[in-house]
Structures are given as C-alpha cells and as structure tokens.
PDB file of N, CA and C in Angstrom:
ATOM      1  N   MET A   1     -15.850 -25.064 -38.368  1.00  0.00           N
ATOM      2  CA  MET A   1     -15.804 -23.989 -39.338  1.00  0.00           C
ATOM      3  C   MET A   1     -14.390 -23.409 -39.358  1.00  0.00           C
ATOM      4  N   TYR A   2     -13.832 -23.215 -40.538  1.00  0.00           N
ATOM      5  CA  TYR A   2     -12.484 -22.706 -40.712  1.00  0.00           C
ATOM      6  C   TYR A   2     -12.420 -21.221 -40.357  1.00  0.00           C
ATOM      7  N   VAL A   3     -11.466 -20.862 -39.495  1.00  0.00           N
ATOM      8  CA  VAL A   3     -11.207 -19.465 -39.157  1.00  0.00           C
ATOM      9  C   VAL A   3      -9.766 -19.173 -39.565  1.00  0.00           C
ATOM     10  N   ALA A   4      -9.588 -18.203 -40.453  1.00  0.00           N
ATOM     11  CA  ALA A   4      -8.266 -17.860 -40.986  1.00  0.00           C
ATOM     12  C   ALA A   4      -7.445 -17.078 -39.960  1.00  0.00           C
ATOM     13  N   PRO A   5      -6.117 -17.122 -40.102  1.00  0.00           N
ATOM     14  CA  PRO A   5      -5.253 -16.319 -39.229  1.00  0.00           C
ATOM     15  C   PRO A   5      -5.573 -14.830 -39.374  1.00  0.00           C
ATOM     16  N   ARG A   6      -5.517 -14.121 -38.237  1.00  0.00           N
ATOM     17  CA  ARG A   6      -5.900 -12.710 -38.229  1.00  0.00           C
ATOM     18  C   ARG A   6      -4.728 -11.756 -38.133  1.00  0.00           C
ATOM     19  N   ASP A   7      -3.536 -12.252 -37.821  1.00  0.00           N
ATOM     20  CA  ASP A   7      -2.368 -11.381 -37.764  1.00  0.00           C
ATOM     21  C   ASP A   7      -1.124 -12.192 -38.126  1.00  0.00           C
ATOM     22  N   HIS A   8       0.028 -11.531 -38.140  1.00  0.00           N
ATOM     23  CA  HIS A   8       1.249 -12.204 -38.578  1.00  0.00           C
ATOM     24  C   HIS A   8       1.689 -13.316 -37.629  1.00  0.00           C
ATOM     25  N   VAL A   9       1.403 -13.189 -36.337  1.00  0.00           N
ATOM     26  CA  VAL A   9       1.789 -14.240 -35.391  1.00  0.00           C
ATOM     27  C   VAL A   9       0.966 -15.501 -35.670  1.00  0.00           C
ATOM     28  N   GLU A  10      -0.345 -15.346 -35.790  1.00  0.00           N
ATOM     29  CA  GLU A  10      -1.200 -16.502 -36.107  1.00  0.00           C
ATOM     30  C   GLU A  10      -0.822 -17.088 -37.467  1.00  0.00           C
ATOM     31  N   GLU A  11      -0.461 -16.248 -38.405  1.00  0.00           N
ATOM     32  CA  GLU A  11      -0.063 -16.726 -39.741  1.00  0.00           C
ATOM     33  C   GLU A  11       1.185 -17.602 -39.653  1.00  0.00           C
ATOM     34  N   HIS A  12       2.191 -17.156 -38.896  1.00  0.00           N
ATOM     35  CA  HIS A  12       3.422 -17.945 -38.749  1.00  0.00           C
ATOM     36  C   HIS A  12       3.166 -19.253 -38.007  1.00  0.00           C
ATOM     37  N   VAL A  13       2.393 -19.196 -36.937  1.00  0.00           N
ATOM     38  CA  VAL A  13       2.084 -20.420 -36.179  1.00  0.00           C
ATOM     39  C   VAL A  13       1.285 -21.377 -37.056  1.00  0.00           C
ATOM     40  N   SER A  14       0.363 -20.840 -37.839  1.00  0.00           N
ATOM     41  CA  SER A  14      -0.440 -21.660 -38.744  1.00  0.00           C
ATOM     42  C   SER A  14       0.433 -22.350 -39.793  1.00  0.00           C
ATOM     43  N   ARG A  15       1.352 -21.593 -40.360  1.00  0.00           N
ATOM     44  CA  ARG A  15       2.248 -22.161 -41.380  1.00  0.00           C
ATOM     45  C   ARG A  15       3.119 -23.265 -40.781  1.00  0.00           C
ATOM     46  N   LEU A  16       3.664 -23.016 -39.587  1.00  0.00           N
ATOM     47  CA  LEU A  16       4.511 -24.026 -38.941  1.00  0.00           C
ATOM     48  C   LEU A  16       3.734 -25.295 -38.616  1.00  0.00           C
ATOM     49  N   THR A  17       2.521 -25.155 -38.100  1.00  0.00           N
ATOM     50  CA  THR A  17       1.733 -26.345 -37.762  1.00  0.00           C
ATOM     51  C   THR A  17       1.301 -27.092 -39.025  1.00  0.00           C
ATOM     52  N   ALA A  18       0.975 -26.366 -40.076  1.00  0.00           N
ATOM     53  CA  ALA A  18       0.587 -27.025 -41.339  1.00  0.00           C
ATOM     54  C   ALA A  18       1.747 -27.838 -41.899  1.00  0.00           C
ATOM     55  N   GLU A  19       2.948 -27.262 -41.871  1.00  0.00           N
ATOM     56  CA  GLU A  19       4.128 -27.991 -42.352  1.00  0.00           C
ATOM     57  C   GLU A  19       4.422 -29.197 -41.473  1.00  0.00           C
ATOM     58  N   LEU A  20       4.314 -29.006 -40.186  1.00  0.00           N
ATOM     59  CA  LEU A  20       4.609 -30.079 -39.234  1.00  0.00           C
ATOM     60  C   LEU A  20       3.634 -31.246 -39.372  1.00  0.00           C
ATOM     61  N   LEU A  21       2.347 -30.924 -39.536  1.00  0.00           N
ATOM     62  CA  LEU A  21       1.323 -31.967 -39.635  1.00  0.00           C
ATOM     63  C   LEU A  21       1.101 -32.455 -41.062  1.00  0.00           C
ATOM     64  N   GLY A  22       1.676 -31.752 -42.021  1.00  0.00           N
ATOM     65  CA  GLY A  22       1.489 -32.136 -43.416  1.00  0.00           C
ATOM     66  C   GLY A  22       0.062 -31.923 -43.889  1.00  0.00           C
ATOM     67  N   LYS A  23      -0.585 -30.903 -43.340  1.00  0.00           N
ATOM     68  CA  LYS A  23      -1.984 -30.601 -43.669  1.00  0.00           C
ATOM     69  C   LYS A  23      -2.146 -29.121 -43.930  1.00  0.00           C
ATOM     70  N   SER A  24      -3.113 -28.800 -44.737  1.00  0.00           N
ATOM     71  CA  SER A  24      -3.492 -27.401 -44.896  1.00  0.00           C
ATOM     72  C   SER A  24      -4.929 -27.251 -44.408  1.00  0.00           C
ATOM     73  N   GLY A  25      -5.375 -26.028 -44.274  1.00  0.00           N
ATOM     74  CA  GLY A  25      -6.754 -25.789 -43.875  1.00  0.00           C
ATOM     75  C   GLY A  25      -7.027 -25.959 -42.398  1.00  0.00           C
ATOM     76  N   ILE A  26      -5.987 -25.811 -41.569  1.00  0.00           N
ATOM     77  CA  ILE A  26      -6.181 -25.873 -40.123  1.00  0.00           C
ATOM     78  C   ILE A  26      -6.552 -24.473 -39.665  1.00  0.00           C
ATOM     79  N   GLY A  27      -7.734 -24.323 -39.122  1.00  0.00           N
ATOM     80  CA  GLY A  27      -8.198 -23.027 -38.650  1.00  0.00           C
ATOM     81  C   GLY A  27      -7.558 -22.657 -37.322  1.00  0.00           C
ATOM     82  N   VAL A  28      -7.540 -21.368 -37.027  1.00  0.00           N
ATOM     83  CA  VAL A  28      -6.884 -20.914 -35.794  1.00  0.00           C
ATOM     84  C   VAL A  28      -7.632 -21.343 -34.532  1.00  0.00           C
ATOM     85  N   THR A  29      -8.885 -21.738 -34.662  1.00  0.00           N
ATOM     86  CA  THR A  29      -9.647 -22.198 -33.493  1.00  0.00           C
ATOM     87  C   THR A  29      -9.732 -23.726 -33.416  1.00  0.00           C
ATOM     88  N   ASP A  30      -9.125 -24.416 -34.374  1.00  0.00           N
ATOM     89  CA  ASP A  30      -9.140 -25.885 -34.379  1.00  0.00           C
ATOM     90  C   ASP A  30      -8.178 -26.443 -33.341  1.00  0.00           C
ATOM     91  N   ASN A  31      -8.579 -27.536 -32.696  1.00  0.00           N
ATOM     92  CA  ASN A  31      -7.705 -28.235 -31.761  1.00  0.00           C
ATOM     93  C   ASN A  31      -6.662 -29.000 -32.580  1.00  0.00           C
ATOM     94  N   LEU A  32      -5.392 -28.720 -32.329  1.00  0.00           N
ATOM     95  CA  LEU A  32      -4.321 -29.344 -33.105  1.00  0.00           C
ATOM     96  C   LEU A  32      -4.263 -30.852 -32.906  1.00  0.00           C
ATOM     97  N   PHE A  33      -4.690 -31.333 -31.741  1.00  0.00           N
ATOM     98  CA  PHE A  33      -4.690 -32.767 -31.500  1.00  0.00           C
ATOM     99  C   PHE A  33      -5.775 -33.470 -32.309  1.00  0.00           C
ATOM    100  N   ASP A  34      -6.853 -32.762 -32.640  1.00  0.00           N
ATOM    101  CA  ASP A  34      -7.873 -33.323 -33.520  1.00  0.00           C
ATOM    102  C   ASP A  34      -7.348 -33.492 -34.948  1.00  0.00           C
ATOM    103  N   HIS A  35      -6.284 -32.779 -35.273  1.00  0.00           N
ATOM    104  CA  HIS A  35      -5.660 -32.881 -36.599  1.00  0.00           C
ATOM    105  C   HIS A  35      -4.488 -33.852 -36.590  1.00  0.00           C
ATOM    106  N   GLY A  36      -4.316 -34.577 -35.492  1.00  0.00           N
ATOM    107  CA  GLY A  36      -3.314 -35.634 -35.445  1.00  0.00           C
ATOM    108  C   GLY A  36      -1.992 -35.279 -34.792  1.00  0.00           C
ATOM    109  N   MET A  37      -1.889 -34.127 -34.161  1.00  0.00           N
ATOM    110  CA  MET A  37      -0.623 -33.784 -33.505  1.00  0.00           C
ATOM    111  C   MET A  37      -0.355 -34.752 -32.360  1.00  0.00           C
ATOM    112  N   ASP A  38       0.899 -35.215 -32.272  1.00  0.00           N
ATOM    113  CA  ASP A  38       1.290 -36.118 -31.185  1.00  0.00           C
ATOM    114  C   ASP A  38       2.388 -35.466 -30.346  1.00  0.00           C
ATOM    115  N   SER A  39       2.848 -36.169 -29.328  1.00  0.00           N
ATOM    116  CA  SER A  39       3.799 -35.582 -28.382  1.00  0.00           C
ATOM    117  C   SER A  39       5.136 -35.219 -29.033  1.00  0.00           C
ATOM    118  N   LEU A  40       5.598 -36.004 -29.985  1.00  0.00           N
ATOM    119  CA  LEU A  40       6.846 -35.671 -30.676  1.00  0.00           C
ATOM    120  C   LEU A  40       6.687 -34.400 -31.503  1.00  0.00           C
ATOM    121  N   GLN A  41       5.536 -34.247 -32.117  1.00  0.00           N
ATOM    122  CA  GLN A  41       5.285 -33.037 -32.894  1.00  0.00           C
ATOM    123  C   GLN A  41       5.127 -31.812 -31.988  1.00  0.00           C
ATOM    124  N   VAL A  42       4.602 -32.016 -30.778  1.00  0.00           N
ATOM    125  CA  VAL A  42       4.520 -30.920 -29.814  1.00  0.00           C
ATOM    126  C   VAL A  42       5.930 -30.423 -29.490  1.00  0.00           C
ATOM    127  N   ALA A  43       6.845 -31.363 -29.243  1.00  0.00           N
ATOM    128  CA  ALA A  43       8.230 -30.995 -28.938  1.00  0.00           C
ATOM    129  C   ALA A  43       8.861 -30.249 -30.114  1.00  0.00           C
ATOM    130  N   GLU A  44       8.639 -30.736 -31.312  1.00  0.00           N
ATOM    131  CA  GLU A  44       9.196 -30.085 -32.501  1.00  0.00           C
ATOM    132  C   GLU A  44       8.577 -28.702 -32.718  1.00  0.00           C
ATOM    133  N   LEU A  45       7.273 -28.592 -32.510  1.00  0.00           N
ATOM    134  CA  LEU A  45       6.603 -27.298 -32.664  1.00  0.00           C
ATOM    135  C   LEU A  45       7.169 -26.280 -31.677  1.00  0.00           C
ATOM    136  N   ARG A  46       7.381 -26.696 -30.440  1.00  0.00           N
ATOM    137  CA  ARG A  46       7.936 -25.783 -29.433  1.00  0.00           C
ATOM    138  C   ARG A  46       9.299 -25.260 -29.874  1.00  0.00           C
ATOM    139  N   LEU A  47      10.143 -26.135 -30.426  1.00  0.00           N
ATOM    140  CA  LEU A  47      11.461 -25.711 -30.900  1.00  0.00           C
ATOM    141  C   LEU A  47      11.352 -24.774 -32.098  1.00  0.00           C
ATOM    142  N   LEU A  48      10.445 -25.081 -33.014  1.00  0.00           N
ATOM    143  CA  LEU A  48      10.242 -24.212 -34.178  1.00  0.00           C
ATOM    144  C   LEU A  48       9.742 -22.832 -33.759  1.00  0.00           C
ATOM    145  N   LEU A  49       8.859 -22.794 -32.783  1.00  0.00           N
ATOM    146  CA  LEU A  49       8.347 -21.509 -32.296  1.00  0.00           C
ATOM    147  C   LEU A  49       9.444 -20.706 -31.612  1.00  0.00           C
ATOM    148  N   ARG A  50      10.298 -21.383 -30.861  1.00  0.00           N
ATOM    149  CA  ARG A  50      11.406 -20.671 -30.213  1.00  0.00           C
ATOM    150  C   ARG A  50      12.346 -20.085 -31.266  1.00  0.00           C
ATOM    151  N   LYS A  51      12.615 -20.874 -32.313  1.00  0.00           N
ATOM    152  CA  LYS A  51      13.493 -20.402 -33.388  1.00  0.00           C
ATOM    153  C   LYS A  51      12.865 -19.205 -34.116  1.00  0.00           C
ATOM    154  N   GLN A  52      11.571 -19.264 -34.355  1.00  0.00           N
ATOM    155  CA  GLN A  52      10.867 -18.212 -35.104  1.00  0.00           C
ATOM    156  C   GLN A  52      10.625 -16.958 -34.266  1.00  0.00           C
ATOM    157  N   PHE A  53      10.226 -17.134 -33.009  1.00  0.00           N
ATOM    158  CA  PHE A  53       9.793 -15.998 -32.188  1.00  0.00           C
ATOM    159  C   PHE A  53      10.735 -15.656 -31.040  1.00  0.00           C
ATOM    160  N   GLY A  54      11.684 -16.525 -30.746  1.00  0.00           N
ATOM    161  CA  GLY A  54      12.559 -16.280 -29.611  1.00  0.00           C
ATOM    162  C   GLY A  54      11.892 -16.581 -28.282  1.00  0.00           C
ATOM    163  N   ALA A  55      10.750 -17.205 -28.320  1.00  0.00           N
ATOM    164  CA  ALA A  55      10.015 -17.594 -27.112  1.00  0.00           C
ATOM    165  C   ALA A  55       9.435 -18.984 -27.348  1.00  0.00           C
ATOM    166  N   MET A  56       9.428 -19.781 -26.298  1.00  0.00           N
ATOM    167  CA  MET A  56       8.928 -21.140 -26.444  1.00  0.00           C
ATOM    168  C   MET A  56       7.824 -21.394 -25.424  1.00  0.00           C
ATOM    169  N   PRO A  57       6.642 -21.796 -25.897  1.00  0.00           N
ATOM    170  CA  PRO A  57       5.584 -22.155 -24.952  1.00  0.00           C
ATOM    171  C   PRO A  57       5.973 -23.414 -24.183  1.00  0.00           C
ATOM    172  N   SER A  58       5.540 -23.509 -22.945  1.00  0.00           N
ATOM    173  CA  SER A  58       5.815 -24.706 -22.149  1.00  0.00           C
ATOM    174  C   SER A  58       4.954 -25.859 -22.669  1.00  0.00           C
ATOM    175  N   LEU A  59       5.276 -27.057 -22.206  1.00  0.00           N
ATOM    176  CA  LEU A  59       4.442 -28.209 -22.572  1.00  0.00           C
ATOM    177  C   LEU A  59       3.008 -27.998 -22.096  1.00  0.00           C
ATOM    178  N   ASP A  60       2.863 -27.498 -20.865  1.00  0.00           N
ATOM    179  CA  ASP A  60       1.523 -27.215 -20.350  1.00  0.00           C
ATOM    180  C   ASP A  60       0.790 -26.216 -21.235  1.00  0.00           C
ATOM    181  N   ASP A  61       1.509 -25.178 -21.709  1.00  0.00           N
ATOM    182  CA  ASP A  61       0.892 -24.190 -22.596  1.00  0.00           C
ATOM    183  C   ASP A  61       0.280 -24.867 -23.818  1.00  0.00           C
ATOM    184  N   VAL A  62       1.028 -25.780 -24.419  1.00  0.00           N
ATOM    185  CA  VAL A  62       0.548 -26.432 -25.644  1.00  0.00           C
ATOM    186  C   VAL A  62      -0.601 -27.383 -25.352  1.00  0.00           C
ATOM    187  N   TYR A  63      -0.463 -28.194 -24.309  1.00  0.00           N
ATOM    188  CA  TYR A  63      -1.509 -29.172 -24.016  1.00  0.00           C
ATOM    189  C   TYR A  63      -2.800 -28.529 -23.504  1.00  0.00           C
ATOM    190  N   LEU A  64      -2.683 -27.423 -22.796  1.00  0.00           N
ATOM    191  CA  LEU A  64      -3.878 -26.757 -22.270  1.00  0.00           C
ATOM    192  C   LEU A  64      -4.480 -25.746 -23.238  1.00  0.00           C
ATOM    193  N   ASN A  65      -3.699 -25.334 -24.236  1.00  0.00           N
ATOM    194  CA  ASN A  65      -4.152 -24.330 -25.218  1.00  0.00           C
ATOM    195  C   ASN A  65      -3.793 -24.800 -26.618  1.00  0.00           C
ATOM    196  N   PRO A  66      -4.401 -25.883 -27.086  1.00  0.00           N
ATOM    197  CA  PRO A  66      -3.947 -26.515 -28.324  1.00  0.00           C
ATOM    198  C   PRO A  66      -4.523 -25.918 -29.617  1.00  0.00           C
ATOM    199  N   THR A  67      -4.749 -24.612 -29.623  1.00  0.00           N
ATOM    200  CA  THR A  67      -5.204 -23.977 -30.860  1.00  0.00           C
ATOM    201  C   THR A  67      -4.166 -22.946 -31.291  1.00  0.00           C
ATOM    202  N   ILE A  68      -4.172 -22.634 -32.557  1.00  0.00           N
ATOM    203  CA  ILE A  68      -3.238 -21.650 -33.098  1.00  0.00           C
ATOM    204  C   ILE A  68      -3.467 -20.291 -32.453  1.00  0.00           C
ATOM    205  N   GLN A  69      -4.720 -19.896 -32.273  1.00  0.00           N
ATOM    206  CA  GLN A  69      -4.976 -18.572 -31.683  1.00  0.00           C
ATOM    207  C   GLN A  69      -4.472 -18.497 -30.247  1.00  0.00           C
ATOM    208  N   ASP A  70      -4.624 -19.573 -29.473  1.00  0.00           N
ATOM    209  CA  ASP A  70      -4.144 -19.571 -28.091  1.00  0.00           C
ATOM    210  C   ASP A  70      -2.618 -19.567 -28.028  1.00  0.00           C
ATOM    211  N   LEU A  71      -1.981 -20.362 -28.891  1.00  0.00           N
ATOM    212  CA  LEU A  71      -0.518 -20.382 -28.915  1.00  0.00           C
ATOM    213  C   LEU A  71       0.035 -19.028 -29.358  1.00  0.00           C
ATOM    214  N   ALA A  72      -0.627 -18.395 -30.310  1.00  0.00           N
ATOM    215  CA  ALA A  72      -0.195 -17.067 -30.762  1.00  0.00           C
ATOM    216  C   ALA A  72      -0.290 -16.060 -29.625  1.00  0.00           C
ATOM    217  N   LYS A  73      -1.353 -16.140 -28.843  1.00  0.00           N
ATOM    218  CA  LYS A  73      -1.506 -15.226 -27.694  1.00  0.00           C
ATOM    219  C   LYS A  73      -0.401 -15.464 -26.672  1.00  0.00           C
ATOM    220  N   ILE A  74      -0.095 -16.716 -26.401  1.00  0.00           N
ATOM    221  CA  ILE A  74       0.968 -17.047 -25.460  1.00  0.00           C
ATOM    222  C   ILE A  74       2.301 -16.492 -25.960  1.00  0.00           C
ATOM    223  N   LEU A  75       2.561 -16.641 -27.248  1.00  0.00           N
ATOM    224  CA  LEU A  75       3.802 -16.119 -27.815  1.00  0.00           C
ATOM    225  C   LEU A  75       3.863 -14.601 -27.731  1.00  0.00           C
ATOM    226  N   ARG A  76       2.741 -13.945 -28.014  1.00  0.00           N
ATOM    227  CA  ARG A  76       2.704 -12.477 -27.894  1.00  0.00           C
ATOM    228  C   ARG A  76       3.016 -12.057 -26.460  1.00  0.00           C
ATOM    229  N   ASP A  77       2.395 -12.749 -25.492  1.00  0.00           N
ATOM    230  CA  ASP A  77       2.618 -12.426 -24.082  1.00  0.00           C
ATOM    231  C   ASP A  77       4.068 -12.672 -23.676  1.00  0.00           C
ATOM    232  N   LYS A  78       4.630 -13.803 -24.095  1.00  0.00           N
ATOM    233  CA  LYS A  78       6.011 -14.137 -23.726  1.00  0.00           C
ATOM    234  C   LYS A  78       7.006 -13.169 -24.355  1.00  0.00           C
ATOM    235  N   THR A  79       6.800 -12.804 -25.600  1.00  0.00           N
ATOM    236  CA  THR A  79       7.736 -11.880 -26.244  1.00  0.00           C
ATOM    237  C   THR A  79       7.601 -10.480 -25.663  1.00  0.00           C
ATOM    238  N   ALA A  80       6.396 -10.078 -25.269  1.00  0.00           N
ATOM    239  CA  ALA A  80       6.209  -8.765 -24.643  1.00  0.00           C
ATOM    240  C   ALA A  80       6.894  -8.729 -23.280  1.00  0.00           C
ATOM    241  N   ARG A  81       6.747  -9.798 -22.489  1.00  0.00           N
ATOM    242  CA  ARG A  81       7.410  -9.852 -21.178  1.00  0.00           C
ATOM    243  C   ARG A  81       8.915  -9.852 -21.340  1.00  0.00           C
ATOM    244  N   SER A  82       9.410 -10.571 -22.343  1.00  0.00           N
ATOM    245  CA  SER A  82      10.844 -10.621 -22.590  1.00  0.00           C
ATOM    246  C   SER A  82      11.370  -9.233 -22.949  1.00  0.00           C
ATOM    247  N   ALA A  83      10.645  -8.515 -23.793  1.00  0.00           N
ATOM    248  CA  ALA A  83      11.056  -7.162 -24.177  1.00  0.00           C
ATOM    249  C   ALA A  83      11.020  -6.231 -22.975  1.00  0.00           C
ATOM    250  N   ASP A  84      10.005  -6.366 -22.114  1.00  0.00           N
ATOM    251  CA  ASP A  84       9.919  -5.538 -20.906  1.00  0.00           C
ATOM    252  C   ASP A  84      11.092  -5.811 -19.977  1.00  0.00           C
ATOM    253  N   THR A  85      11.462  -7.078 -19.826  1.00  0.00           N
ATOM    254  CA  THR A  85      12.574  -7.450 -18.953  1.00  0.00           C
ATOM    255  C   THR A  85      13.882  -6.889 -19.482  1.00  0.00           C
ATOM    256  N   GLU A  86      14.104  -7.011 -20.800  1.00  0.00           N
ATOM    257  CA  GLU A  86      15.323  -6.485 -21.391  1.00  0.00           C
ATOM    258  C   GLU A  86      15.380  -4.974 -21.238  1.00  0.00           C
ATOM    259  N   ALA A  87      14.259  -4.305 -21.480  1.00  0.00           N
ATOM    260  CA  ALA A  87      14.220  -2.849 -21.339  1.00  0.00           C
ATOM    261  C   ALA A  87      14.458  -2.455 -19.882  1.00  0.00           C
ATOM    262  N   GLY A  88      13.869  -3.196 -18.958  1.00  0.00           N
ATOM    263  CA  GLY A  88      14.064  -2.909 -17.544  1.00  0.00           C
ATOM    264  C   GLY A  88      15.521  -3.053 -17.142  1.00  0.00           C
ATOM    265  N   GLY A  89      16.198  -4.080 -17.644  1.00  0.00           N
ATOM    266  CA  GLY A  89      17.617  -4.270 -17.363  1.00  0.00           C
ATOM    267  C   GLY A  89      18.459  -3.132 -17.900  1.00  0.00           C
ATOM    268  N   PHE A  90      18.116  -2.647 -19.093  1.00  0.00           N
ATOM    269  CA  PHE A  90      18.837  -1.522 -19.683  1.00  0.00           C
ATOM    270  C   PHE A  90      18.677  -0.273 -18.831  1.00  0.00           C
ATOM    271  N   TRP A  91      17.441  -0.002 -18.420  1.00  0.00           N
ATOM    272  CA  TRP A  91      17.214   1.216 -17.638  1.00  0.00           C
ATOM    273  C   TRP A  91      17.848   1.132 -16.263  1.00  0.00           C
ATOM    274  N   LEU A  92      17.924  -0.051 -15.652  1.00  0.00           N
ATOM    275  CA  LEU A  92      18.619  -0.221 -14.383  1.00  0.00           C
ATOM    276  C   LEU A  92      20.100   0.080 -14.580  1.00  0.00           C
ATOM    277  N   TRP A  93      20.694  -0.476 -15.631  1.00  0.00           N
ATOM    278  CA  TRP A  93      22.099  -0.216 -15.933  1.00  0.00           C
ATOM    279  C   TRP A  93      22.325   1.269 -16.158  1.00  0.00           C
ATOM    280  N   ARG A  94      21.447   1.899 -16.911  1.00  0.00           N
ATOM    281  CA  ARG A  94      21.573   3.333 -17.201  1.00  0.00           C
ATOM    282  C   ARG A  94      21.495   4.158 -15.916  1.00  0.00           C
ATOM    283  N   TRP A  95      20.576   3.815 -15.031  1.00  0.00           N
ATOM    284  CA  TRP A  95      20.425   4.532 -13.775  1.00  0.00           C
ATOM    285  C   TRP A  95      21.666   4.368 -12.899  1.00  0.00           C
ATOM    286  N   LEU A  96      22.161   3.122 -12.810  1.00  0.00           N
ATOM    287  CA  LEU A  96      23.349   2.882 -11.989  1.00  0.00           C
ATOM    288  C   LEU A  96      24.552   3.659 -12.508  1.00  0.00           C
ATOM    289  N   THR A  97      24.755   3.662 -13.822  1.00  0.00           N
ATOM    290  CA  THR A  97      25.907   4.366 -14.368  1.00  0.00           C
ATOM    291  C   THR A  97      25.739   5.884 -14.268  1.00  0.00           C
ATOM    292  N   SER A  98      24.514   6.376 -14.358  1.00  0.00           N
ATOM    293  CA  SER A  98      24.295   7.819 -14.244  1.00  0.00           C
ATOM    294  C   SER A  98      24.507   8.305 -12.811  1.00  0.00           C
ATOM    295  N   CYS A  99      24.404   7.398 -11.853  1.00  0.00           N
ATOM    296  CA  CYS A  99      24.636   7.756 -10.448  1.00  0.00           C
ATOM    297  C   CYS A  99      26.125   7.719 -10.112  1.00  0.00           C
ATOM    298  N   GLY A 100      26.943   7.429 -11.110  1.00  0.00           N
ATOM    299  CA  GLY A 100      28.381   7.369 -10.885  1.00  0.00           C
ATOM    300  C   GLY A 100      28.834   6.051 -10.279  1.00  0.00           C
ATOM    301  N   ARG A 101      27.990   5.065 -10.293  1.00  0.00           N
ATOM    302  CA  ARG A 101      28.368   3.764  -9.743  1.00  0.00           C
ATOM    303  C   ARG A 101      29.074   2.941 -10.804  1.00  0.00           C
ATOM    304  N   ARG A 102      30.041   2.212 -10.362  1.00  0.00           N
ATOM    305  CA  ARG A 102      30.723   1.305 -11.274  1.00  0.00           C
ATOM    306  C   ARG A 102      29.876   0.052 -11.415  1.00  0.00           C
ATOM    307  N   VAL A 103      29.532  -0.277 -12.639  1.00  0.00           N
ATOM    308  CA  VAL A 103      28.682  -1.446 -12.889  1.00  0.00           C
ATOM    309  C   VAL A 103      29.567  -2.629 -13.229  1.00  0.00           C
ATOM    310  N   THR A 104      29.477  -3.652 -12.407  1.00  0.00           N
ATOM    311  CA  THR A 104      30.230  -4.872 -12.673  1.00  0.00           C
ATOM    312  C   THR A 104      29.287  -5.921 -13.224  1.00  0.00           C
ATOM    313  N   ARG A 105      29.845  -7.004 -13.629  1.00  0.00           N
ATOM    314  CA  ARG A 105      29.049  -8.096 -14.198  1.00  0.00           C
ATOM    315  C   ARG A 105      27.952  -8.551 -13.244  1.00  0.00           C
ATOM    316  N   SER A 106      28.198  -8.540 -11.947  1.00  0.00           N
ATOM    317  CA  SER A 106      27.210  -9.007 -10.980  1.00  0.00           C
ATOM    318  C   SER A 106      26.013  -8.050 -10.868  1.00  0.00           C
ATOM    319  N   HIS A 107      26.178  -6.802 -11.311  1.00  0.00           N
ATOM    320  CA  HIS A 107      25.076  -5.845 -11.271  1.00  0.00           C
ATOM    321  C   HIS A 107      24.152  -5.959 -12.473  1.00  0.00           C
ATOM    322  N   ARG A 108      24.652  -6.516 -13.536  1.00  0.00           N
ATOM    323  CA  ARG A 108      23.850  -6.560 -14.758  1.00  0.00           C
ATOM    324  C   ARG A 108      22.693  -7.524 -14.621  1.00  0.00           C
ATOM    325  N   VAL A 109      21.600  -7.146 -15.235  1.00  0.00           N
ATOM    326  CA  VAL A 109      20.388  -7.957 -15.176  1.00  0.00           C
ATOM    327  C   VAL A 109      20.354  -8.853 -16.376  1.00  0.00           C
TER     328      VAL A 109
END
C-alpha cells in the first residue's frame, strides 16, 4: 500500500530516490531494493543525500533501513547531532574567551 511522504525530509528523499530509480509511486514504507535499487545506486543516493542535507547515511544505514521513512529519520538524527556539535563548539569557544583565555587553533572544536 502506498504511503505518501509526511514531511519535507521524506519528500526530498522520495524525490531523490524516484529520480535515481526512474520510478514514481515509491511509498515511504516501501523497501527500495524491491524497487530495483542496486549497490551503485546506494552509493549515488548517499552522495545526493549528503549534498542535499549535509549528512550522509552510512552503507549499513541504507542496507539495514532501506525505506524512505527510515532514511529520513536517520538524516534528521544526523543533522540534529551535527547542529548540537557545532553549537557545543561555539559555546566552548565563547566560554574560553569570556574567561580571558587566549583561544588558539588547537582549542577550537
């Protein structure tokens, strides 16, 4: 049964997989390998996702979670962790400089 994308992340992943596989009507709960995805397309999809979202699922992520909804969740998690890490680095830098410490390149996160 076809399940439509529910948010913008699933919509983007759905569009990328449809273009990559040359098919439309792939539901977010469908197994991408059942629609003919092969290992070369997995590699290309990972690169397209990194370009689109700034985060790339691992090969294990794709092979163990081969649905659009699962890949979208992985991307949401990876981008949230990335944002937390960047914010944490900023606040560490801010704290160090507010303490009157000289921040060198080796201190930056």
